[in-house]
Amino acid sequence: MSEPTTPFVFDTALAVCVDFRNPHAWLAIEPSCALAAKLGIRIDWLPRLVPPPQLGRPAAESEERGVRHRSVRADYFARDLARYAAARGSIVDFAHCEGDGLAPALGLLHARALVPARTQDYVTAMFEAIWSDARGAGRDTVASLLTELGVDARGFEARVSELHALDASLAAAGVHGVPCYVVDDEPYVGRAHLPMIEWQLTGRAGPPPI
């Protein structure tokens, strides 16, 4: 019998777990960075590989009710993301959800280990490369971004076992979706929780946001 996985120990006021293939995580980067700047805190960015989101497709009347309901929810999910992306002047290409998120995740671990002060720059640049300027998420893109940020890219692909261990540890800590914000070891999934997170980080002064 394998030993139980030890939950990850969060040692910063705010940790944010992301999967670079996930459009929810992409749309959360700008407001997350804005909150950190407002409060004068540093985010500990962590990679967390999760299944890609389910995308909408037309449901046939012959399908079971549960299947039709899931299809409707997935369709709403896609439309909702498209609305938020359009408000930012962007277009969501859901093909990116099916891409390989391994290399970008390894790059984040590498930057975090070697030059932690540049991890936020790496995160924003990596999401931009995948979702905005179509540079993709391959090894060459990751190596190029690391080098541009002054991080020695050599050996970043050797962190696979480290990534798998972190993934299991984050799951044990209750991180099951992205973007996941962790404050006082309490996980919040989704950027909609940012008002609550700000309230918690500022000493819970005043009534909590509803």
Protein backbone atom coordinates (compact mmCIF):
# COMPACT_ATOMS: atom_id res chain seq x y z
CA MET A 1 0.00 0.00 0.00
CA SER A 2 1.39 3.41 -0.99
CA GLU A 3 1.94 6.10 1.60
CA PRO A 4 -0.67 8.89 1.70
CA THR A 5 0.37 12.07 -0.07
CA THR A 6 1.32 14.97 2.17
CA PRO A 7 -0.67 18.13 1.39
CA PHE A 8 1.32 21.05 0.03
CA VAL A 9 2.49 23.60 2.60
CA PHE A 10 1.58 27.12 1.43
CA ASP A 11 4.06 29.63 2.80
CA THR A 12 2.78 32.85 1.21
CA ALA A 13 -0.29 34.98 1.88
CA LEU A 14 -1.72 34.06 -1.51
CA ALA A 15 -0.98 31.11 -3.77
CA VAL A 16 -2.60 30.76 -7.18
CA CYS A 17 -2.68 27.43 -9.02
CA VAL A 18 -3.05 27.52 -12.80
CA ASP A 19 -3.21 25.23 -15.80
CA PHE A 20 -2.06 27.05 -18.93
CA ARG A 21 -4.58 25.17 -21.08
CA ASN A 22 -7.52 26.43 -19.05
CA PRO A 23 -9.35 29.56 -20.27
CA HIS A 24 -10.73 30.27 -16.79
CA ALA A 25 -7.16 30.50 -15.52
CA TRP A 26 -6.20 32.71 -18.46
CA LEU A 27 -9.00 35.20 -17.75
CA ALA A 28 -8.06 35.26 -14.06
CA ILE A 29 -4.46 36.41 -14.54
CA GLU A 30 -5.11 40.13 -15.04
CA PRO A 31 -7.44 40.63 -12.03
CA SER A 32 -5.24 38.40 -9.85
CA CYS A 33 -2.14 40.46 -10.63
CA ALA A 34 -4.11 43.66 -10.06
CA LEU A 35 -5.19 42.47 -6.60
CA ALA A 36 -1.64 41.51 -5.66
CA ALA A 37 -0.39 44.94 -6.77
CA LYS A 38 -3.15 46.69 -4.85
CA LEU A 39 -2.33 44.84 -1.63
CA GLY A 40 1.43 44.89 -2.14
CA ILE A 41 1.78 41.11 -1.84
CA ARG A 42 3.57 38.45 -3.86
CA ILE A 43 1.64 35.60 -5.40
CA ASP A 44 3.16 32.13 -5.30
CA TRP A 45 2.22 30.77 -8.74
CA LEU A 46 1.92 27.00 -8.92
CA PRO A 47 1.18 24.66 -11.84
CA ARG A 48 -1.77 22.29 -11.40
CA LEU A 49 -2.71 20.03 -14.30
CA VAL A 50 -6.45 19.38 -14.43
CA PRO A 51 -8.74 17.81 -17.06
CA PRO A 52 -9.65 20.22 -19.87
CA PRO A 53 -13.06 21.89 -19.61
CA GLN A 54 -16.02 20.24 -21.30
CA LEU A 55 -17.08 22.24 -24.33
CA GLY A 56 -20.63 22.62 -25.54
CA ARG A 57 -22.12 20.73 -28.43
CA PRO A 58 -25.73 20.46 -29.62
CA ALA A 59 -27.63 17.81 -27.67
CA ALA A 60 -29.86 15.40 -29.53
CA GLU A 61 -33.41 14.94 -28.23
CA SER A 62 -32.77 11.21 -28.13
CA GLU A 63 -30.00 11.58 -25.54
CA GLU A 64 -30.61 10.96 -21.86
CA ARG A 65 -31.69 13.90 -19.72
CA GLY A 66 -28.39 13.95 -17.81
CA VAL A 67 -26.42 14.09 -21.06
CA ARG A 68 -28.60 16.94 -22.35
CA HIS A 69 -28.15 18.88 -19.10
CA ARG A 70 -24.38 18.49 -19.24
CA SER A 71 -24.42 19.67 -22.85
CA VAL A 72 -26.44 22.77 -21.90
CA ARG A 73 -24.07 23.58 -19.04
CA ALA A 74 -21.04 23.14 -21.29
CA ASP A 75 -22.59 25.38 -23.92
CA TYR A 76 -23.23 28.09 -21.31
CA PHE A 77 -19.65 27.70 -20.08
CA ALA A 78 -18.29 28.32 -23.59
CA ARG A 79 -20.56 31.32 -24.19
CA ASP A 80 -19.71 32.82 -20.81
CA LEU A 81 -15.98 32.59 -21.44
CA ALA A 82 -16.42 34.09 -24.90
CA ARG A 83 -18.29 37.06 -23.41
CA TYR A 84 -15.58 37.79 -20.85
CA ALA A 85 -12.82 37.36 -23.41
CA ALA A 86 -14.61 39.71 -25.84
CA ALA A 87 -14.85 42.34 -23.10
CA ARG A 88 -11.05 42.23 -22.96
CA GLY A 89 -10.72 42.43 -26.72
CA SER A 90 -9.77 38.76 -27.06
CA ILE A 91 -11.23 35.67 -28.68
CA VAL A 92 -11.26 32.28 -27.00
CA ASP A 93 -9.91 29.53 -29.21
CA PHE A 94 -10.97 26.40 -27.39
CA ALA A 95 -8.48 24.33 -29.37
CA HIS A 96 -5.91 25.51 -26.83
CA CYS A 97 -7.77 23.56 -24.12
CA GLU A 98 -6.75 20.31 -25.77
CA GLY A 99 -3.08 21.23 -26.03
CA ASP A 100 -0.27 19.73 -24.00
CA GLY A 101 0.12 21.66 -20.76
CA LEU A 102 3.16 19.73 -19.55
CA ALA A 103 5.96 21.92 -20.95
CA PRO A 104 4.47 25.23 -19.68
CA ALA A 105 3.91 23.69 -16.24
CA LEU A 106 7.49 22.46 -16.11
CA GLY A 107 8.66 25.92 -17.15
CA LEU A 108 6.76 27.49 -14.27
CA LEU A 109 8.30 25.06 -11.78
CA HIS A 110 11.72 25.84 -13.25
CA ALA A 111 11.29 29.61 -13.00
CA ARG A 112 9.89 29.29 -9.48
CA ALA A 113 12.93 27.26 -8.41
CA LEU A 114 15.63 29.39 -10.06
CA VAL A 115 14.30 32.96 -10.15
CA PRO A 116 11.10 33.15 -8.07
CA ALA A 117 10.85 36.91 -8.59
CA ARG A 118 10.14 36.28 -12.30
CA THR A 119 7.40 33.66 -11.94
CA GLN A 120 4.58 36.17 -12.41
CA ASP A 121 6.27 37.49 -15.54
CA TYR A 122 6.55 33.92 -16.80
CA VAL A 123 2.89 33.19 -16.04
CA THR A 124 1.60 36.27 -17.87
CA ALA A 125 3.94 35.73 -20.83
CA MET A 126 3.06 32.04 -21.12
CA PHE A 127 -0.69 32.67 -21.12
CA GLU A 128 -0.14 35.42 -23.69
CA ALA A 129 1.87 33.05 -25.88
CA ILE A 130 -0.83 30.39 -25.80
CA TRP A 131 -4.07 32.38 -25.85
CA SER A 132 -3.24 35.69 -27.54
CA ASP A 133 -0.36 35.55 -29.98
CA ALA A 134 -0.54 31.82 -30.87
CA ARG A 135 3.12 31.07 -30.18
CA GLY A 136 1.90 27.81 -28.71
CA ALA A 137 2.84 25.82 -25.63
CA GLY A 138 5.68 23.70 -26.94
CA ARG A 139 9.17 23.18 -25.58
CA ASP A 140 10.75 25.84 -27.79
CA THR A 141 8.27 28.50 -26.68
CA VAL A 142 8.84 27.68 -23.01
CA ALA A 143 12.63 27.71 -23.39
CA SER A 144 12.47 31.01 -25.28
CA LEU A 145 10.28 32.68 -22.64
CA LEU A 146 12.50 31.49 -19.80
CA THR A 147 15.57 32.84 -21.56
CA GLU A 148 13.87 36.19 -22.27
CA LEU A 149 13.12 36.49 -18.54
CA GLY A 150 16.71 35.78 -17.57
CA VAL A 151 16.06 32.23 -16.39
CA ASP A 152 18.50 29.53 -17.46
CA ALA A 153 16.23 27.18 -19.43
CA ARG A 154 18.58 24.21 -19.29
CA GLY A 155 17.05 21.27 -17.48
CA PHE A 156 13.49 22.56 -17.21
CA GLU A 157 12.10 19.40 -18.82
CA ALA A 158 13.77 17.25 -16.14
CA ARG A 159 11.26 18.40 -13.51
CA VAL A 160 8.55 15.90 -14.48
CA SER A 161 8.73 13.85 -11.27
CA GLU A 162 8.73 17.08 -9.26
CA LEU A 163 5.60 18.23 -11.11
CA HIS A 164 3.79 14.93 -10.52
CA ALA A 165 4.66 15.06 -6.80
CA LEU A 166 3.41 18.65 -6.58
CA ASP A 167 0.22 17.75 -8.44
CA ALA A 168 -0.56 14.97 -5.95
CA SER A 169 0.31 17.21 -3.01
CA LEU A 170 -1.95 20.01 -4.27
CA ALA A 171 -4.78 17.54 -4.77
CA ALA A 172 -4.32 16.38 -1.17
CA ALA A 173 -4.57 20.04 -0.11
CA GLY A 174 -7.95 20.36 -1.82
CA VAL A 175 -6.87 21.99 -5.07
CA HIS A 176 -9.03 20.29 -7.69
CA GLY A 177 -9.72 23.04 -10.22
CA VAL A 178 -8.15 26.19 -11.67
CA PRO A 179 -7.64 28.97 -11.11
CA CYS A 180 -7.44 28.02 -7.46
CA TYR A 181 -6.58 30.68 -4.87
CA VAL A 182 -5.29 29.47 -1.53
CA VAL A 183 -5.51 31.82 1.48
CA ASP A 184 -4.77 30.49 4.98
CA ASP A 185 -4.80 26.97 3.52
CA GLU A 186 -8.36 27.56 2.28
CA PRO A 187 -8.86 26.94 -1.46
CA TYR A 188 -11.17 29.06 -3.60
CA VAL A 189 -11.74 27.95 -7.20
CA GLY A 190 -12.54 30.69 -9.70
CA ARG A 191 -11.85 34.39 -10.10
CA ALA A 192 -15.36 35.21 -8.84
CA HIS A 193 -13.94 34.72 -5.33
CA LEU A 194 -11.47 37.61 -5.61
CA PRO A 195 -13.63 40.02 -3.52
CA MET A 196 -13.80 37.44 -0.71
CA ILE A 197 -10.07 36.80 -1.01
CA GLU A 198 -9.32 40.53 -0.76
CA TRP A 199 -11.56 40.79 2.31
CA GLN A 200 -9.74 37.87 3.92
CA LEU A 201 -6.28 39.22 3.07
CA THR A 202 -7.10 42.66 4.47
CA GLY A 203 -8.01 41.36 7.92
CA ARG A 204 -11.71 40.71 7.33
CA ALA A 205 -12.48 44.37 8.03
CA GLY A 206 -16.12 45.29 7.51
CA PRO A 207 -18.87 42.99 6.28
CA PRO A 208 -17.81 40.17 3.98
CA PRO A 209 -18.67 40.52 0.29
CA ILE A 210 -21.79 38.63 -0.67
